[in-house]
Amino acid sequence: MLRYIYANQLSDYPVLQDSMHRDRAVQFSERLKWAVTVDENGWEKDEYDAMNPLYVIWGNADGTHGGSMRFLPTTERTMVNDHFSELLNGQDIRSPFIWECTRFCLGQKSSPRVAAAMMLAGGELMRAFSLTHLLGVFDPRMVRIYSMIGASPEVLGSAGEGRDKISVGLWPYRPEDRIRVLRKAGLSSEISEHWFNRSFGQTVQELQQVA
């Protein structure tokens, strides 16, 4: 199931919190060899985790982490603007209608369905908060995943070659993409909206009216 959890609420789900940060350490530090920080608990965390981001997390049946993403509005500090502006010719992307999505992480035993469910959740956030785009940095392995799900970004800039290539992209919101991703995730619109409502205490439609 999908959960939408702000960082200041994450301690209410200790198993989910622990397994998410541990899975991030495995994916980003051990497998991808990124220069990330892993603390004494085996958790991968960075400065943006301290900014009360919104996490979308797929929870396994046993309460552990199956996959996650992290969201911050681009009106605040973001990874793209702080560290990857050279891919955008030195320009920043700041808009109340664009949120940054980072730390796309899959659990060690996750299926492709989980990746699709998380992309679906990104679309639900765009619907609810009247966003036009999501912004993110991605590497070549993610290109295949996005293509498989049917939610490929518009590439704004890239650097590097082969496995070391890094790109910045924008994902627009399109209703037809939501239908396609629902199918890939094997979920109904009703269950997706139920999970959203349970997390926020409001429906997508109610939030649309105040966004």
N, C-alpha and C. Protein backbone atom coordinates (compact mmCIF):
# COMPACT_ATOMS: atom_id res chain seq x y z
N MET A 1 0.83 -1.20 0.00
CA MET A 1 0.00 0.00 0.00
C MET A 1 0.86 1.25 0.00
N LEU A 2 0.30 2.35 -0.46
CA LEU A 2 1.00 3.63 -0.50
C LEU A 2 0.67 4.46 0.73
N ARG A 3 1.71 5.09 1.25
CA ARG A 3 1.54 6.05 2.35
C ARG A 3 2.21 7.35 1.95
N TYR A 4 1.59 8.45 2.32
CA TYR A 4 2.15 9.79 2.11
C TYR A 4 2.47 10.32 3.51
N ILE A 5 3.76 10.50 3.82
CA ILE A 5 4.17 10.81 5.19
C ILE A 5 5.19 11.95 5.18
N TYR A 6 4.92 13.01 5.93
CA TYR A 6 5.91 14.07 6.11
C TYR A 6 7.00 13.60 7.06
N ALA A 7 8.18 14.16 6.91
CA ALA A 7 9.33 13.72 7.71
C ALA A 7 9.07 13.82 9.20
N ASN A 8 8.33 14.85 9.63
CA ASN A 8 8.08 15.00 11.06
C ASN A 8 7.05 14.01 11.59
N GLN A 9 6.47 13.19 10.70
CA GLN A 9 5.55 12.13 11.11
C GLN A 9 6.19 10.75 10.99
N LEU A 10 7.37 10.69 10.40
CA LEU A 10 7.96 9.40 10.04
C LEU A 10 8.29 8.54 11.27
N SER A 11 8.61 9.17 12.38
CA SER A 11 8.94 8.40 13.59
C SER A 11 7.74 7.64 14.14
N ASP A 12 6.53 7.98 13.67
CA ASP A 12 5.34 7.22 14.08
C ASP A 12 5.31 5.85 13.42
N TYR A 13 6.19 5.64 12.44
CA TYR A 13 6.27 4.38 11.70
C TYR A 13 7.71 3.87 11.76
N PRO A 14 8.18 3.44 12.93
CA PRO A 14 9.61 3.15 13.11
C PRO A 14 10.15 2.05 12.19
N VAL A 15 9.37 1.01 11.93
CA VAL A 15 9.85 -0.06 11.04
C VAL A 15 9.98 0.46 9.62
N LEU A 16 8.98 1.22 9.18
CA LEU A 16 9.01 1.79 7.84
C LEU A 16 10.17 2.77 7.70
N GLN A 17 10.38 3.62 8.71
CA GLN A 17 11.46 4.59 8.68
C GLN A 17 12.82 3.91 8.62
N ASP A 18 13.03 2.93 9.49
CA ASP A 18 14.32 2.24 9.55
C ASP A 18 14.61 1.52 8.24
N SER A 19 13.64 0.78 7.74
CA SER A 19 13.90 -0.01 6.53
C SER A 19 14.03 0.87 5.30
N MET A 20 13.35 2.03 5.26
CA MET A 20 13.52 2.94 4.13
C MET A 20 14.95 3.48 4.07
N HIS A 21 15.44 3.99 5.19
CA HIS A 21 16.79 4.56 5.17
C HIS A 21 17.86 3.49 4.96
N ARG A 22 17.62 2.27 5.44
CA ARG A 22 18.56 1.19 5.20
C ARG A 22 18.55 0.78 3.72
N ASP A 23 17.36 0.71 3.13
CA ASP A 23 17.29 0.38 1.71
C ASP A 23 17.94 1.47 0.86
N ARG A 24 17.79 2.72 1.27
CA ARG A 24 18.48 3.81 0.56
C ARG A 24 19.99 3.63 0.64
N ALA A 25 20.49 3.22 1.80
CA ALA A 25 21.94 2.99 1.94
C ALA A 25 22.40 1.87 0.99
N VAL A 26 21.63 0.80 0.92
CA VAL A 26 21.99 -0.32 0.03
C VAL A 26 21.99 0.14 -1.42
N GLN A 27 20.93 0.85 -1.82
CA GLN A 27 20.83 1.24 -3.23
C GLN A 27 21.85 2.28 -3.62
N PHE A 28 21.94 3.37 -2.85
CA PHE A 28 22.76 4.49 -3.29
C PHE A 28 24.23 4.36 -2.91
N SER A 29 24.52 3.79 -1.74
CA SER A 29 25.91 3.67 -1.31
C SER A 29 26.54 2.36 -1.80
N GLU A 30 25.88 1.22 -1.53
CA GLU A 30 26.49 -0.06 -1.84
C GLU A 30 26.41 -0.40 -3.33
N ARG A 31 25.22 -0.27 -3.92
CA ARG A 31 25.05 -0.70 -5.31
C ARG A 31 25.52 0.34 -6.31
N LEU A 32 25.07 1.58 -6.14
CA LEU A 32 25.39 2.62 -7.12
C LEU A 32 26.70 3.34 -6.83
N LYS A 33 27.24 3.17 -5.61
CA LYS A 33 28.52 3.76 -5.22
C LYS A 33 28.47 5.29 -5.26
N TRP A 34 27.31 5.87 -4.95
CA TRP A 34 27.23 7.33 -4.87
C TRP A 34 27.94 7.81 -3.61
N ALA A 35 28.40 9.05 -3.63
CA ALA A 35 29.07 9.63 -2.47
C ALA A 35 28.04 10.18 -1.50
N VAL A 36 27.33 9.25 -0.83
CA VAL A 36 26.29 9.63 0.12
C VAL A 36 26.77 9.31 1.53
N THR A 37 26.06 9.83 2.51
CA THR A 37 26.42 9.62 3.91
C THR A 37 25.55 8.54 4.52
N VAL A 38 26.18 7.54 5.13
CA VAL A 38 25.48 6.49 5.85
C VAL A 38 25.90 6.59 7.32
N ASP A 39 24.92 6.74 8.20
CA ASP A 39 25.24 6.97 9.61
C ASP A 39 25.45 5.66 10.37
N GLU A 40 25.65 5.80 11.69
CA GLU A 40 25.97 4.64 12.51
C GLU A 40 24.82 3.63 12.59
N ASN A 41 23.61 4.06 12.23
CA ASN A 41 22.47 3.16 12.22
C ASN A 41 22.31 2.42 10.89
N GLY A 42 23.21 2.74 9.93
CA GLY A 42 23.08 2.15 8.61
C GLY A 42 22.08 2.87 7.74
N TRP A 43 21.73 4.11 8.13
CA TRP A 43 20.76 4.90 7.40
C TRP A 43 21.44 5.84 6.42
N GLU A 44 20.92 5.93 5.21
CA GLU A 44 21.34 6.97 4.27
C GLU A 44 20.41 8.16 4.44
N LYS A 45 20.98 9.30 4.77
CA LYS A 45 20.22 10.54 4.93
C LYS A 45 21.06 11.69 4.40
N ASP A 46 20.38 12.78 4.00
CA ASP A 46 21.12 13.97 3.59
C ASP A 46 20.42 15.21 4.12
N GLU A 47 20.91 16.37 3.71
CA GLU A 47 20.41 17.62 4.26
C GLU A 47 18.94 17.88 3.92
N TYR A 48 18.46 17.30 2.84
CA TYR A 48 17.08 17.55 2.42
C TYR A 48 16.08 16.74 3.24
N ASP A 49 16.55 15.67 3.87
CA ASP A 49 15.69 14.94 4.80
C ASP A 49 15.37 15.77 6.04
N ALA A 50 16.19 16.79 6.31
CA ALA A 50 15.97 17.65 7.48
C ALA A 50 15.02 18.80 7.18
N MET A 51 14.51 18.89 5.94
CA MET A 51 13.66 20.02 5.54
C MET A 51 12.17 19.66 5.56
N ASN A 52 11.84 18.61 6.31
CA ASN A 52 10.46 18.12 6.42
C ASN A 52 9.83 17.85 5.05
N PRO A 53 10.51 17.05 4.23
CA PRO A 53 9.93 16.70 2.93
C PRO A 53 8.73 15.79 3.11
N LEU A 54 8.00 15.61 2.03
CA LEU A 54 6.93 14.63 1.97
C LEU A 54 7.48 13.37 1.32
N TYR A 55 7.33 12.23 2.00
CA TYR A 55 7.73 10.95 1.44
C TYR A 55 6.50 10.21 0.92
N VAL A 56 6.64 9.61 -0.23
CA VAL A 56 5.69 8.61 -0.69
C VAL A 56 6.37 7.26 -0.50
N ILE A 57 5.74 6.37 0.26
CA ILE A 57 6.36 5.09 0.61
C ILE A 57 5.41 3.95 0.33
N TRP A 58 5.91 2.94 -0.38
CA TRP A 58 5.16 1.71 -0.52
C TRP A 58 5.48 0.83 0.68
N GLY A 59 4.46 0.50 1.45
CA GLY A 59 4.64 -0.35 2.62
C GLY A 59 4.32 -1.79 2.29
N ASN A 60 5.26 -2.69 2.58
CA ASN A 60 5.02 -4.11 2.39
C ASN A 60 4.02 -4.62 3.44
N ALA A 61 3.55 -5.84 3.23
CA ALA A 61 2.55 -6.41 4.15
C ALA A 61 3.08 -6.53 5.57
N ASP A 62 4.41 -6.69 5.72
CA ASP A 62 4.99 -6.82 7.06
C ASP A 62 5.38 -5.47 7.66
N GLY A 63 5.01 -4.37 7.00
CA GLY A 63 5.29 -3.05 7.52
C GLY A 63 6.62 -2.47 7.11
N THR A 64 7.41 -3.21 6.34
CA THR A 64 8.70 -2.71 5.90
C THR A 64 8.58 -1.93 4.60
N HIS A 65 9.65 -1.26 4.26
CA HIS A 65 9.73 -0.41 3.07
C HIS A 65 9.85 -1.23 1.80
N GLY A 66 8.99 -0.91 0.82
CA GLY A 66 9.10 -1.56 -0.48
C GLY A 66 9.60 -0.62 -1.57
N GLY A 67 9.46 0.68 -1.33
CA GLY A 67 9.91 1.68 -2.28
C GLY A 67 9.51 3.05 -1.78
N SER A 68 10.22 4.08 -2.24
CA SER A 68 9.91 5.42 -1.75
C SER A 68 10.46 6.50 -2.68
N MET A 69 9.89 7.69 -2.52
CA MET A 69 10.37 8.91 -3.16
C MET A 69 10.22 10.05 -2.17
N ARG A 70 10.92 11.14 -2.43
CA ARG A 70 10.91 12.30 -1.53
C ARG A 70 10.56 13.54 -2.33
N PHE A 71 9.68 14.37 -1.79
CA PHE A 71 9.21 15.55 -2.51
C PHE A 71 9.43 16.83 -1.69
N LEU A 72 9.89 17.88 -2.39
CA LEU A 72 10.01 19.21 -1.83
C LEU A 72 9.56 20.23 -2.87
N PRO A 73 8.87 21.29 -2.46
CA PRO A 73 8.50 22.34 -3.42
C PRO A 73 9.75 23.07 -3.89
N THR A 74 9.76 23.48 -5.14
CA THR A 74 10.93 24.18 -5.68
C THR A 74 11.00 25.63 -5.23
N THR A 75 10.01 26.09 -4.49
CA THR A 75 10.10 27.42 -3.87
C THR A 75 11.06 27.39 -2.68
N GLU A 76 11.44 26.18 -2.23
CA GLU A 76 12.44 26.02 -1.18
C GLU A 76 13.75 25.54 -1.82
N ARG A 77 14.75 25.28 -0.97
CA ARG A 77 16.00 24.72 -1.49
C ARG A 77 15.74 23.34 -2.06
N THR A 78 16.38 23.03 -3.17
CA THR A 78 16.24 21.72 -3.79
C THR A 78 17.60 21.22 -4.25
N MET A 79 17.67 19.92 -4.44
CA MET A 79 18.91 19.31 -4.90
C MET A 79 19.29 19.79 -6.30
N VAL A 80 18.30 19.91 -7.19
CA VAL A 80 18.59 20.36 -8.54
C VAL A 80 19.20 21.75 -8.53
N ASN A 81 18.58 22.67 -7.84
CA ASN A 81 19.08 24.05 -7.84
C ASN A 81 20.39 24.18 -7.08
N ASP A 82 20.58 23.39 -6.03
CA ASP A 82 21.80 23.51 -5.22
C ASP A 82 23.00 22.83 -5.85
N HIS A 83 22.78 21.73 -6.56
CA HIS A 83 23.90 20.90 -6.99
C HIS A 83 23.96 20.58 -8.48
N PHE A 84 22.88 20.82 -9.22
CA PHE A 84 22.86 20.41 -10.62
C PHE A 84 22.46 21.54 -11.56
N SER A 85 22.62 22.79 -11.11
CA SER A 85 22.21 23.91 -11.96
C SER A 85 23.06 24.01 -13.23
N GLU A 86 24.26 23.41 -13.22
CA GLU A 86 25.09 23.45 -14.43
C GLU A 86 24.45 22.68 -15.57
N LEU A 87 23.59 21.73 -15.25
CA LEU A 87 22.87 21.00 -16.29
C LEU A 87 21.75 21.84 -16.90
N LEU A 88 21.45 22.97 -16.25
CA LEU A 88 20.41 23.88 -16.72
C LEU A 88 21.01 25.22 -17.11
N ASN A 89 22.29 25.21 -17.49
CA ASN A 89 23.00 26.43 -17.88
C ASN A 89 22.99 27.47 -16.76
N GLY A 90 23.09 26.98 -15.53
CA GLY A 90 23.16 27.87 -14.38
C GLY A 90 21.85 28.45 -13.93
N GLN A 91 20.76 28.07 -14.55
CA GLN A 91 19.46 28.62 -14.17
C GLN A 91 18.81 27.76 -13.09
N ASP A 92 18.05 28.40 -12.22
CA ASP A 92 17.28 27.71 -11.20
C ASP A 92 15.86 27.46 -11.71
N ILE A 93 15.25 26.42 -11.19
CA ILE A 93 13.84 26.17 -11.45
C ILE A 93 13.09 26.38 -10.15
N ARG A 94 12.27 27.40 -10.11
CA ARG A 94 11.48 27.73 -8.93
C ARG A 94 10.07 28.09 -9.36
N SER A 95 9.12 27.37 -8.82
CA SER A 95 7.72 27.63 -9.16
C SER A 95 6.83 26.98 -8.11
N PRO A 96 5.74 27.65 -7.71
CA PRO A 96 4.79 27.01 -6.79
C PRO A 96 4.06 25.84 -7.43
N PHE A 97 4.21 25.67 -8.74
CA PHE A 97 3.51 24.61 -9.45
C PHE A 97 4.44 23.45 -9.84
N ILE A 98 5.69 23.49 -9.33
CA ILE A 98 6.65 22.43 -9.61
C ILE A 98 7.26 21.95 -8.30
N TRP A 99 7.21 20.66 -8.04
CA TRP A 99 7.87 20.06 -6.89
C TRP A 99 9.02 19.18 -7.38
N GLU A 100 10.07 19.12 -6.56
CA GLU A 100 11.20 18.24 -6.86
C GLU A 100 10.96 16.87 -6.25
N CYS A 101 11.31 15.86 -7.01
CA CYS A 101 11.22 14.47 -6.56
C CYS A 101 12.63 13.86 -6.57
N THR A 102 13.08 13.35 -5.43
CA THR A 102 14.41 12.77 -5.34
C THR A 102 14.37 11.45 -4.57
N ARG A 103 15.51 10.78 -4.51
CA ARG A 103 15.71 9.54 -3.76
C ARG A 103 14.66 8.46 -4.10
N PHE A 104 14.47 8.27 -5.42
CA PHE A 104 13.62 7.16 -5.88
C PHE A 104 14.35 5.87 -5.53
N CYS A 105 13.78 5.12 -4.61
CA CYS A 105 14.45 3.94 -4.09
C CYS A 105 13.49 2.76 -4.09
N LEU A 106 13.96 1.62 -4.56
CA LEU A 106 13.18 0.40 -4.52
C LEU A 106 13.75 -0.54 -3.47
N GLY A 107 12.86 -1.19 -2.72
CA GLY A 107 13.30 -2.19 -1.76
C GLY A 107 14.00 -3.34 -2.47
N GLN A 108 14.76 -4.09 -1.72
CA GLN A 108 15.62 -5.10 -2.33
C GLN A 108 14.84 -6.25 -2.97
N LYS A 109 13.56 -6.43 -2.61
CA LYS A 109 12.75 -7.50 -3.17
C LYS A 109 11.51 -6.95 -3.88
N SER A 110 11.56 -5.68 -4.29
CA SER A 110 10.39 -5.05 -4.88
C SER A 110 10.19 -5.48 -6.33
N SER A 111 8.94 -5.49 -6.75
CA SER A 111 8.58 -5.82 -8.12
C SER A 111 8.42 -4.55 -8.93
N PRO A 112 8.37 -4.65 -10.27
CA PRO A 112 8.12 -3.47 -11.10
C PRO A 112 6.80 -2.77 -10.75
N ARG A 113 5.86 -3.50 -10.19
CA ARG A 113 4.59 -2.91 -9.79
C ARG A 113 4.78 -1.80 -8.76
N VAL A 114 5.76 -1.97 -7.88
CA VAL A 114 6.01 -0.97 -6.85
C VAL A 114 6.49 0.34 -7.47
N ALA A 115 7.39 0.24 -8.45
CA ALA A 115 7.87 1.44 -9.13
C ALA A 115 6.71 2.18 -9.80
N ALA A 116 5.82 1.43 -10.43
CA ALA A 116 4.67 2.06 -11.07
C ALA A 116 3.75 2.70 -10.04
N ALA A 117 3.55 2.06 -8.90
CA ALA A 117 2.70 2.62 -7.86
C ALA A 117 3.25 3.94 -7.34
N MET A 118 4.57 4.03 -7.22
CA MET A 118 5.16 5.27 -6.73
C MET A 118 5.03 6.39 -7.77
N MET A 119 5.19 6.06 -9.04
CA MET A 119 4.97 7.07 -10.08
C MET A 119 3.52 7.51 -10.09
N LEU A 120 2.61 6.58 -9.84
CA LEU A 120 1.19 6.92 -9.72
C LEU A 120 0.99 7.92 -8.59
N ALA A 121 1.64 7.68 -7.46
CA ALA A 121 1.51 8.58 -6.31
C ALA A 121 2.00 9.98 -6.64
N GLY A 122 3.08 10.07 -7.43
CA GLY A 122 3.54 11.38 -7.85
C GLY A 122 2.47 12.11 -8.64
N GLY A 123 1.78 11.38 -9.51
CA GLY A 123 0.68 11.98 -10.26
C GLY A 123 -0.48 12.40 -9.38
N GLU A 124 -0.75 11.62 -8.33
CA GLU A 124 -1.83 11.99 -7.42
C GLU A 124 -1.50 13.29 -6.68
N LEU A 125 -0.23 13.47 -6.33
CA LEU A 125 0.18 14.73 -5.71
C LEU A 125 0.01 15.89 -6.68
N MET A 126 0.34 15.67 -7.93
CA MET A 126 0.19 16.72 -8.93
C MET A 126 -1.28 17.11 -9.09
N ARG A 127 -2.16 16.11 -9.11
CA ARG A 127 -3.59 16.38 -9.20
C ARG A 127 -4.08 17.18 -7.99
N ALA A 128 -3.72 16.73 -6.80
CA ALA A 128 -4.25 17.31 -5.58
C ALA A 128 -3.76 18.73 -5.33
N PHE A 129 -2.49 18.99 -5.64
CA PHE A 129 -1.90 20.28 -5.33
C PHE A 129 -1.77 21.18 -6.56
N SER A 130 -2.47 20.81 -7.63
CA SER A 130 -2.52 21.61 -8.86
C SER A 130 -1.12 21.91 -9.41
N LEU A 131 -0.26 20.89 -9.38
CA LEU A 131 1.09 21.04 -9.91
C LEU A 131 1.07 20.80 -11.41
N THR A 132 1.95 21.50 -12.11
CA THR A 132 2.07 21.27 -13.56
C THR A 132 3.15 20.25 -13.88
N HIS A 133 4.20 20.18 -13.01
CA HIS A 133 5.33 19.30 -13.30
C HIS A 133 5.97 18.80 -12.00
N LEU A 134 6.66 17.69 -12.12
CA LEU A 134 7.64 17.25 -11.13
C LEU A 134 9.02 17.36 -11.75
N LEU A 135 10.00 17.68 -10.91
CA LEU A 135 11.38 17.90 -11.34
C LEU A 135 12.27 16.86 -10.67
N GLY A 136 13.20 16.30 -11.42
CA GLY A 136 14.07 15.32 -10.80
C GLY A 136 15.38 15.12 -11.54
N VAL A 137 16.35 14.57 -10.82
CA VAL A 137 17.64 14.15 -11.38
C VAL A 137 17.61 12.63 -11.49
N PHE A 138 18.10 12.10 -12.60
CA PHE A 138 18.07 10.65 -12.76
C PHE A 138 19.28 10.18 -13.54
N ASP A 139 19.56 8.87 -13.39
CA ASP A 139 20.69 8.25 -14.07
C ASP A 139 20.15 7.26 -15.11
N PRO A 140 21.04 6.66 -15.94
CA PRO A 140 20.58 5.82 -17.04
C PRO A 140 19.70 4.64 -16.62
N ARG A 141 19.95 4.05 -15.44
CA ARG A 141 19.13 2.88 -15.05
C ARG A 141 17.68 3.26 -14.90
N MET A 142 17.39 4.54 -14.55
CA MET A 142 16.01 4.96 -14.35
C MET A 142 15.28 5.18 -15.67
N VAL A 143 16.03 5.44 -16.75
CA VAL A 143 15.39 5.68 -18.05
C VAL A 143 14.55 4.48 -18.45
N ARG A 144 15.11 3.28 -18.26
CA ARG A 144 14.39 2.06 -18.60
C ARG A 144 13.14 1.90 -17.73
N ILE A 145 13.27 2.21 -16.45
CA ILE A 145 12.13 2.08 -15.53
C ILE A 145 11.02 3.03 -15.91
N TYR A 146 11.39 4.30 -16.17
CA TYR A 146 10.36 5.27 -16.56
C TYR A 146 9.67 4.86 -17.85
N SER A 147 10.44 4.38 -18.82
CA SER A 147 9.88 3.97 -20.10
C SER A 147 8.93 2.78 -19.92
N MET A 148 9.32 1.84 -19.08
CA MET A 148 8.51 0.66 -18.83
C MET A 148 7.18 1.03 -18.19
N ILE A 149 7.23 2.01 -17.28
CA ILE A 149 6.01 2.44 -16.59
C ILE A 149 5.12 3.27 -17.51
N GLY A 150 5.74 3.96 -18.47
CA GLY A 150 4.98 4.84 -19.35
C GLY A 150 4.92 6.25 -18.83
N ALA A 151 5.97 6.68 -18.12
CA ALA A 151 6.00 8.03 -17.56
C ALA A 151 7.40 8.62 -17.73
N SER A 152 7.81 8.79 -18.97
CA SER A 152 9.15 9.32 -19.25
C SER A 152 9.16 10.84 -19.14
N PRO A 153 10.27 11.41 -18.64
CA PRO A 153 10.36 12.86 -18.48
C PRO A 153 10.82 13.58 -19.74
N GLU A 154 10.63 14.88 -19.73
CA GLU A 154 11.27 15.76 -20.72
C GLU A 154 12.66 16.09 -20.19
N VAL A 155 13.70 15.71 -20.91
CA VAL A 155 15.07 15.93 -20.45
C VAL A 155 15.46 17.38 -20.70
N LEU A 156 15.90 18.06 -19.63
CA LEU A 156 16.30 19.46 -19.73
C LEU A 156 17.79 19.63 -19.93
N GLY A 157 18.58 18.68 -19.47
CA GLY A 157 20.02 18.77 -19.60
C GLY A 157 20.69 17.54 -19.05
N SER A 158 21.87 17.22 -19.57
CA SER A 158 22.59 16.02 -19.15
C SER A 158 24.09 16.30 -19.12
N ALA A 159 24.80 15.45 -18.39
CA ALA A 159 26.26 15.50 -18.36
C ALA A 159 26.78 14.10 -18.11
N GLY A 160 27.99 13.81 -18.63
CA GLY A 160 28.59 12.51 -18.44
C GLY A 160 28.21 11.55 -19.54
N GLU A 161 28.81 10.36 -19.48
CA GLU A 161 28.58 9.34 -20.49
C GLU A 161 28.31 7.99 -19.83
N GLY A 162 27.63 7.12 -20.56
CA GLY A 162 27.41 5.76 -20.09
C GLY A 162 26.70 5.71 -18.76
N ARG A 163 27.16 4.83 -17.89
CA ARG A 163 26.53 4.65 -16.57
C ARG A 163 26.71 5.87 -15.68
N ASP A 164 27.67 6.74 -16.02
CA ASP A 164 27.92 7.94 -15.20
C ASP A 164 27.09 9.13 -15.65
N LYS A 165 26.27 8.96 -16.66
CA LYS A 165 25.46 10.07 -17.17
C LYS A 165 24.40 10.48 -16.14
N ILE A 166 24.24 11.78 -15.96
CA ILE A 166 23.23 12.33 -15.05
C ILE A 166 22.38 13.31 -15.84
N SER A 167 21.07 13.24 -15.66
CA SER A 167 20.16 14.13 -16.38
C SER A 167 19.18 14.78 -15.42
N VAL A 168 18.69 15.94 -15.81
CA VAL A 168 17.60 16.63 -15.11
C VAL A 168 16.39 16.61 -16.04
N GLY A 169 15.23 16.27 -15.48
CA GLY A 169 14.03 16.19 -16.30
C GLY A 169 12.80 16.71 -15.61
N LEU A 170 11.79 16.99 -16.41
CA LEU A 170 10.48 17.43 -15.92
C LEU A 170 9.43 16.41 -16.35
N TRP A 171 8.55 16.06 -15.41
CA TRP A 171 7.42 15.21 -15.70
C TRP A 171 6.15 16.06 -15.68
N PRO A 172 5.45 16.21 -16.80
CA PRO A 172 4.19 16.95 -16.79
C PRO A 172 3.07 16.07 -16.27
N TYR A 173 1.98 16.70 -15.85
CA TYR A 173 0.80 15.90 -15.50
C TYR A 173 -0.10 15.78 -16.71
N ARG A 174 -0.42 14.54 -17.08
CA ARG A 174 -1.35 14.26 -18.18
C ARG A 174 -2.31 13.17 -17.72
N PRO A 175 -3.62 13.41 -17.82
CA PRO A 175 -4.60 12.39 -17.37
C PRO A 175 -4.38 11.04 -18.02
N GLU A 176 -3.98 11.03 -19.29
CA GLU A 176 -3.79 9.75 -19.97
C GLU A 176 -2.61 8.96 -19.39
N ASP A 177 -1.61 9.68 -18.84
CA ASP A 177 -0.50 9.00 -18.19
C ASP A 177 -0.99 8.28 -16.93
N ARG A 178 -1.91 8.92 -16.20
CA ARG A 178 -2.43 8.31 -14.98
C ARG A 178 -3.12 6.98 -15.29
N ILE A 179 -3.90 6.95 -16.33
CA ILE A 179 -4.60 5.72 -16.70
C ILE A 179 -3.60 4.62 -17.03
N ARG A 180 -2.57 4.98 -17.77
CA ARG A 180 -1.55 4.00 -18.16
C ARG A 180 -0.78 3.48 -16.94
N VAL A 181 -0.43 4.38 -16.02
CA VAL A 181 0.34 3.97 -14.84
C VAL A 181 -0.52 3.15 -13.88
N LEU A 182 -1.81 3.48 -13.77
CA LEU A 182 -2.71 2.65 -12.97
C LEU A 182 -2.68 1.20 -13.45
N ARG A 183 -2.71 1.02 -14.76
CA ARG A 183 -2.68 -0.34 -15.32
C ARG A 183 -1.36 -1.03 -14.97
N LYS A 184 -0.25 -0.30 -15.13
CA LYS A 184 1.06 -0.89 -14.84
C LYS A 184 1.18 -1.28 -13.36
N ALA A 185 0.57 -0.48 -12.49
CA ALA A 185 0.65 -0.76 -11.05
C ALA A 185 -0.37 -1.83 -10.62
N GLY A 186 -1.30 -2.15 -11.50
CA GLY A 186 -2.33 -3.13 -11.15
C GLY A 186 -3.27 -2.61 -10.08
N LEU A 187 -3.56 -1.30 -10.12
CA LEU A 187 -4.40 -0.67 -9.10
C LEU A 187 -5.59 0.01 -9.74
N SER A 188 -6.65 0.17 -8.97
CA SER A 188 -7.80 0.92 -9.43
C SER A 188 -7.66 2.37 -8.99
N SER A 189 -8.36 3.26 -9.68
CA SER A 189 -8.39 4.66 -9.27
C SER A 189 -8.94 4.80 -7.87
N GLU A 190 -9.94 3.98 -7.53
CA GLU A 190 -10.59 4.08 -6.21
C GLU A 190 -9.63 3.74 -5.08
N ILE A 191 -8.83 2.68 -5.24
CA ILE A 191 -7.91 2.32 -4.15
C ILE A 191 -6.80 3.35 -4.02
N SER A 192 -6.33 3.90 -5.15
CA SER A 192 -5.30 4.93 -5.09
C SER A 192 -5.81 6.15 -4.33
N GLU A 193 -7.03 6.57 -4.64
CA GLU A 193 -7.60 7.73 -3.96
C GLU A 193 -7.90 7.42 -2.49
N HIS A 194 -8.25 6.17 -2.19
CA HIS A 194 -8.48 5.78 -0.79
C HIS A 194 -7.19 5.92 0.02
N TRP A 195 -6.07 5.43 -0.53
CA TRP A 195 -4.80 5.55 0.17
C TRP A 195 -4.42 7.01 0.38
N PHE A 196 -4.67 7.83 -0.65
CA PHE A 196 -4.35 9.26 -0.53
C PHE A 196 -5.19 9.90 0.57
N ASN A 197 -6.49 9.64 0.57
CA ASN A 197 -7.40 10.21 1.55
C ASN A 197 -7.03 9.80 2.96
N ARG A 198 -6.64 8.53 3.13
CA ARG A 198 -6.27 8.04 4.46
C ARG A 198 -5.05 8.77 4.99
N SER A 199 -4.10 9.10 4.11
CA SER A 199 -2.88 9.79 4.55
C SER A 199 -3.12 11.25 4.87
N PHE A 200 -3.90 11.94 4.04
CA PHE A 200 -4.07 13.38 4.19
C PHE A 200 -5.33 13.79 4.94
N GLY A 201 -6.27 12.87 5.10
CA GLY A 201 -7.54 13.22 5.73
C GLY A 201 -8.42 14.06 4.84
N GLN A 202 -8.04 14.19 3.59
CA GLN A 202 -8.82 14.91 2.59
C GLN A 202 -8.67 14.19 1.26
N THR A 203 -9.68 14.31 0.42
CA THR A 203 -9.60 13.70 -0.89
C THR A 203 -8.78 14.56 -1.84
N VAL A 204 -8.37 13.95 -2.94
CA VAL A 204 -7.70 14.71 -4.00
C VAL A 204 -8.56 15.88 -4.43
N GLN A 205 -9.85 15.64 -4.59
CA GLN A 205 -10.76 16.67 -5.06
C GLN A 205 -10.89 17.83 -4.07
N GLU A 206 -10.93 17.51 -2.77
CA GLU A 206 -11.02 18.55 -1.75
C GLU A 206 -9.77 19.42 -1.73
N LEU A 207 -8.60 18.80 -1.87
CA LEU A 207 -7.36 19.56 -1.88
C LEU A 207 -7.24 20.40 -3.15
N GLN A 208 -7.79 19.91 -4.26
CA GLN A 208 -7.76 20.68 -5.50
C GLN A 208 -8.46 22.04 -5.32
N GLN A 209 -9.48 22.08 -4.51
CA GLN A 209 -10.28 23.28 -4.34
C GLN A 209 -9.55 24.37 -3.56
N VAL A 210 -8.53 23.97 -2.78
CA VAL A 210 -7.80 24.95 -1.98
C VAL A 210 -6.38 25.17 -2.47
N ALA A 211 -5.94 24.36 -3.42
CA ALA A 211 -4.55 24.47 -3.92
C ALA A 211 -4.37 25.73 -4.73
